[in-house]
């Protein structure tokens, strides 16, 4: 591959891979998919999720929250989290969440956007960290 001496550009790599796949027959695409599945490829997620054995408590909009209503983070990655909650937010709605990482006792306040709304909770995509290390 000619990328060894070049600085790797994610868009160029993705574009080249996509073009190569589109030029393959369906049979070749299925063979490639089987090879990727055999290597433990986890799907199209950019960052791996950590499923939490003990869910972490999370608070929505901590500056305006009325009362101690607590929801729970079920999984988290570098770019988002899934929160088990009965609250309803619209997809695209901005929310602020506050949580503490139990192992380090670090508190984070993060601005996020609702990416998915399900019966059992919300998928939140991180926009930026407001407070935390």
C-alpha atoms as a PDB file:
ATOM      1  CA  UNK A   1       0.000   0.000   0.000  1.00  0.00           C
ATOM      2  CA  UNK A   2       1.285   3.482  -0.816  1.00  0.00           C
ATOM      3  CA  UNK A   3       0.145   5.112   2.433  1.00  0.00           C
ATOM      4  CA  UNK A   4       3.259   4.185   4.413  1.00  0.00           C
ATOM      5  CA  UNK A   5       5.203   7.362   3.585  1.00  0.00           C
ATOM      6  CA  UNK A   6       2.218   9.692   3.522  1.00  0.00           C
ATOM      7  CA  UNK A   7       0.369  11.200   6.421  1.00  0.00           C
ATOM      8  CA  UNK A   8      -2.813   9.147   6.672  1.00  0.00           C
ATOM      9  CA  UNK A   9      -5.894  11.144   5.716  1.00  0.00           C
ATOM     10  CA  UNK A  10      -9.091   9.516   7.026  1.00  0.00           C
ATOM     11  CA  UNK A  11     -11.263  10.868   4.208  1.00  0.00           C
ATOM     12  CA  UNK A  12      -8.871   9.636   1.524  1.00  0.00           C
ATOM     13  CA  UNK A  13      -8.636   6.180   3.108  1.00  0.00           C
ATOM     14  CA  UNK A  14     -12.414   5.910   3.468  1.00  0.00           C
ATOM     15  CA  UNK A  15     -12.947   7.091  -0.103  1.00  0.00           C
ATOM     16  CA  UNK A  16     -10.436   4.605  -1.504  1.00  0.00           C
ATOM     17  CA  UNK A  17     -11.945   1.728   0.479  1.00  0.00           C
ATOM     18  CA  UNK A  18     -15.458   2.647  -0.601  1.00  0.00           C
ATOM     19  CA  UNK A  19     -14.424   2.843  -4.265  1.00  0.00           C
ATOM     20  CA  UNK A  20     -12.711  -0.551  -4.021  1.00  0.00           C
ATOM     21  CA  UNK A  21     -15.792  -2.123  -2.454  1.00  0.00           C
ATOM     22  CA  UNK A  22     -18.131  -0.598  -5.025  1.00  0.00           C
ATOM     23  CA  UNK A  23     -15.999  -2.087  -7.828  1.00  0.00           C
ATOM     24  CA  UNK A  24     -16.351  -5.597  -6.333  1.00  0.00           C
ATOM     25  CA  UNK A  25     -19.005  -8.058  -7.334  1.00  0.00           C
ATOM     26  CA  UNK A  26     -21.613  -8.976  -4.727  1.00  0.00           C
ATOM     27  CA  UNK A  27     -19.815 -12.288  -4.185  1.00  0.00           C
ATOM     28  CA  UNK A  28     -16.519 -10.479  -3.517  1.00  0.00           C
ATOM     29  CA  UNK A  29     -18.254  -8.083  -1.124  1.00  0.00           C
ATOM     30  CA  UNK A  30     -19.759 -11.010   0.802  1.00  0.00           C
ATOM     31  CA  UNK A  31     -16.332 -12.691   0.988  1.00  0.00           C
ATOM     32  CA  UNK A  32     -14.817  -9.484   2.364  1.00  0.00           C
ATOM     33  CA  UNK A  33     -17.638  -9.178   4.895  1.00  0.00           C
ATOM     34  CA  UNK A  34     -17.012 -12.759   6.059  1.00  0.00           C
ATOM     35  CA  UNK A  35     -13.293 -12.004   6.442  1.00  0.00           C
ATOM     36  CA  UNK A  36     -14.002  -8.901   8.510  1.00  0.00           C
ATOM     37  CA  UNK A  37     -16.511 -10.771  10.668  1.00  0.00           C
ATOM     38  CA  UNK A  38     -13.937 -13.514  11.271  1.00  0.00           C
ATOM     39  CA  UNK A  39     -11.425 -10.938  12.562  1.00  0.00           C
ATOM     40  CA  UNK A  40     -13.808  -9.715  15.247  1.00  0.00           C
ATOM     41  CA  UNK A  41     -14.682  -6.479  13.466  1.00  0.00           C
ATOM     42  CA  UNK A  42     -17.347  -4.909  15.680  1.00  0.00           C
ATOM     43  CA  UNK A  43     -19.236  -2.895  13.107  1.00  0.00           C
ATOM     44  CA  UNK A  44     -19.164   0.664  11.911  1.00  0.00           C
ATOM     45  CA  UNK A  45     -18.762   2.316  15.304  1.00  0.00           C
ATOM     46  CA  UNK A  46     -15.838   4.667  15.405  1.00  0.00           C
ATOM     47  CA  UNK A  47     -15.245   4.216  19.134  1.00  0.00           C
ATOM     48  CA  UNK A  48     -15.887   1.069  21.142  1.00  0.00           C
ATOM     49  CA  UNK A  49     -18.622   1.183  23.737  1.00  0.00           C
ATOM     50  CA  UNK A  50     -18.039   0.156  27.309  1.00  0.00           C
ATOM     51  CA  UNK A  51     -21.015  -1.723  28.717  1.00  0.00           C
ATOM     52  CA  UNK A  52     -21.229  -0.866  32.387  1.00  0.00           C
ATOM     53  CA  UNK A  53     -21.703  -3.739  34.842  1.00  0.00           C
ATOM     54  CA  UNK A  54     -22.988  -1.260  37.413  1.00  0.00           C
ATOM     55  CA  UNK A  55     -24.748   1.676  35.712  1.00  0.00           C
ATOM     56  CA  UNK A  56     -23.484   5.165  36.544  1.00  0.00           C
ATOM     57  CA  UNK A  57     -25.893   7.788  37.841  1.00  0.00           C
ATOM     58  CA  UNK A  58     -26.447  10.724  35.506  1.00  0.00           C
ATOM     59  CA  UNK A  59     -28.308  14.004  35.888  1.00  0.00           C
ATOM     60  CA  UNK A  60     -29.850  15.956  33.011  1.00  0.00           C
ATOM     61  CA  UNK A  61     -29.390  19.722  32.783  1.00  0.00           C
ATOM     62  CA  UNK A  62     -27.841  19.970  36.271  1.00  0.00           C
ATOM     63  CA  UNK A  63     -28.122  23.780  36.465  1.00  0.00           C
ATOM     64  CA  UNK A  64     -31.883  23.771  35.924  1.00  0.00           C
ATOM     65  CA  UNK A  65     -32.863  20.352  37.267  1.00  0.00           C
ATOM     66  CA  UNK A  66     -35.646  20.494  39.820  1.00  0.00           C
ATOM     67  CA  UNK A  67     -35.264  17.694  42.313  1.00  0.00           C
ATOM     68  CA  UNK A  68     -32.936  14.737  42.544  1.00  0.00           C
ATOM     69  CA  UNK A  69     -34.284  12.654  39.638  1.00  0.00           C
ATOM     70  CA  UNK A  70     -31.546  10.231  38.650  1.00  0.00           C
ATOM     71  CA  UNK A  71     -31.200   8.261  35.429  1.00  0.00           C
ATOM     72  CA  UNK A  72     -28.515   5.704  34.559  1.00  0.00           C
ATOM     73  CA  UNK A  73     -25.772   5.406  31.938  1.00  0.00           C
ATOM     74  CA  UNK A  74     -25.827   1.862  30.526  1.00  0.00           C
ATOM     75  CA  UNK A  75     -22.938   2.207  28.081  1.00  0.00           C
ATOM     76  CA  UNK A  76     -20.447   4.886  27.154  1.00  0.00           C
ATOM     77  CA  UNK A  77     -17.793   5.593  24.510  1.00  0.00           C
ATOM     78  CA  UNK A  78     -15.509   8.489  23.637  1.00  0.00           C
ATOM     79  CA  UNK A  79     -18.269  10.039  21.526  1.00  0.00           C
ATOM     80  CA  UNK A  80     -21.507   9.280  23.351  1.00  0.00           C
ATOM     81  CA  UNK A  81     -23.579   7.268  25.793  1.00  0.00           C
ATOM     82  CA  UNK A  82     -26.860   5.442  26.190  1.00  0.00           C
ATOM     83  CA  UNK A  83     -28.932   6.588  29.149  1.00  0.00           C
ATOM     84  CA  UNK A  84     -31.733   4.467  30.530  1.00  0.00           C
ATOM     85  CA  UNK A  85     -34.541   6.920  31.246  1.00  0.00           C
ATOM     86  CA  UNK A  86     -38.276   7.403  30.956  1.00  0.00           C
ATOM     87  CA  UNK A  87     -37.812  11.082  30.104  1.00  0.00           C
ATOM     88  CA  UNK A  88     -38.569  12.142  26.570  1.00  0.00           C
ATOM     89  CA  UNK A  89     -36.410  14.396  24.469  1.00  0.00           C
ATOM     90  CA  UNK A  90     -36.619  15.045  20.751  1.00  0.00           C
ATOM     91  CA  UNK A  91     -33.897  13.770  18.443  1.00  0.00           C
ATOM     92  CA  UNK A  92     -31.531  16.685  17.838  1.00  0.00           C
ATOM     93  CA  UNK A  93     -32.364  18.337  21.158  1.00  0.00           C
ATOM     94  CA  UNK A  94     -29.356  19.635  23.116  1.00  0.00           C
ATOM     95  CA  UNK A  95     -28.978  18.369  26.677  1.00  0.00           C
ATOM     96  CA  UNK A  96     -26.431  18.817  29.401  1.00  0.00           C
ATOM     97  CA  UNK A  97     -25.539  15.730  31.450  1.00  0.00           C
ATOM     98  CA  UNK A  98     -23.555  15.440  34.665  1.00  0.00           C
ATOM     99  CA  UNK A  99     -22.016  12.214  35.928  1.00  0.00           C
ATOM    100  CA  UNK A 100     -19.214  10.882  38.090  1.00  0.00           C
ATOM    101  CA  UNK A 101     -16.844   8.122  37.007  1.00  0.00           C
ATOM    102  CA  UNK A 102     -16.918   5.823  40.075  1.00  0.00           C
ATOM    103  CA  UNK A 103     -13.351   4.502  39.741  1.00  0.00           C
ATOM    104  CA  UNK A 104     -11.751   7.969  39.632  1.00  0.00           C
ATOM    105  CA  UNK A 105     -14.456  10.091  41.306  1.00  0.00           C
ATOM    106  CA  UNK A 106     -14.041  12.620  38.466  1.00  0.00           C
ATOM    107  CA  UNK A 107     -17.175  14.600  37.697  1.00  0.00           C
ATOM    108  CA  UNK A 108     -18.006  15.476  34.102  1.00  0.00           C
ATOM    109  CA  UNK A 109     -20.542  17.894  32.715  1.00  0.00           C
ATOM    110  CA  UNK A 110     -21.019  17.409  28.987  1.00  0.00           C
ATOM    111  CA  UNK A 111     -23.140  19.131  26.377  1.00  0.00           C
ATOM    112  CA  UNK A 112     -24.712  16.539  24.131  1.00  0.00           C
ATOM    113  CA  UNK A 113     -27.319  16.032  21.476  1.00  0.00           C
ATOM    114  CA  UNK A 114     -30.025  13.385  21.450  1.00  0.00           C
ATOM    115  CA  UNK A 115     -29.059  11.057  18.605  1.00  0.00           C
ATOM    116  CA  UNK A 116     -31.649   8.334  19.270  1.00  0.00           C
ATOM    117  CA  UNK A 117     -34.784   8.092  21.348  1.00  0.00           C
ATOM    118  CA  UNK A 118     -35.966   4.630  22.316  1.00  0.00           C
ATOM    119  CA  UNK A 119     -38.628   3.275  24.654  1.00  0.00           C
ATOM    120  CA  UNK A 120     -35.985   2.407  27.255  1.00  0.00           C
ATOM    121  CA  UNK A 121     -33.759   5.443  26.885  1.00  0.00           C
ATOM    122  CA  UNK A 122     -31.726   7.896  24.855  1.00  0.00           C
ATOM    123  CA  UNK A 123     -28.583   7.782  22.777  1.00  0.00           C
ATOM    124  CA  UNK A 124     -26.584  10.954  23.444  1.00  0.00           C
ATOM    125  CA  UNK A 125     -23.835  12.161  21.112  1.00  0.00           C
ATOM    126  CA  UNK A 126     -21.213  14.283  22.888  1.00  0.00           C
ATOM    127  CA  UNK A 127     -20.708  17.801  21.556  1.00  0.00           C
ATOM    128  CA  UNK A 128     -18.258  19.213  24.087  1.00  0.00           C
ATOM    129  CA  UNK A 129     -17.135  18.867  27.654  1.00  0.00           C
ATOM    130  CA  UNK A 130     -18.107  21.722  29.957  1.00  0.00           C
ATOM    131  CA  UNK A 131     -16.344  20.470  33.078  1.00  0.00           C
ATOM    132  CA  UNK A 132     -14.087  17.517  33.833  1.00  0.00           C
ATOM    133  CA  UNK A 133     -10.607  16.164  33.254  1.00  0.00           C
END
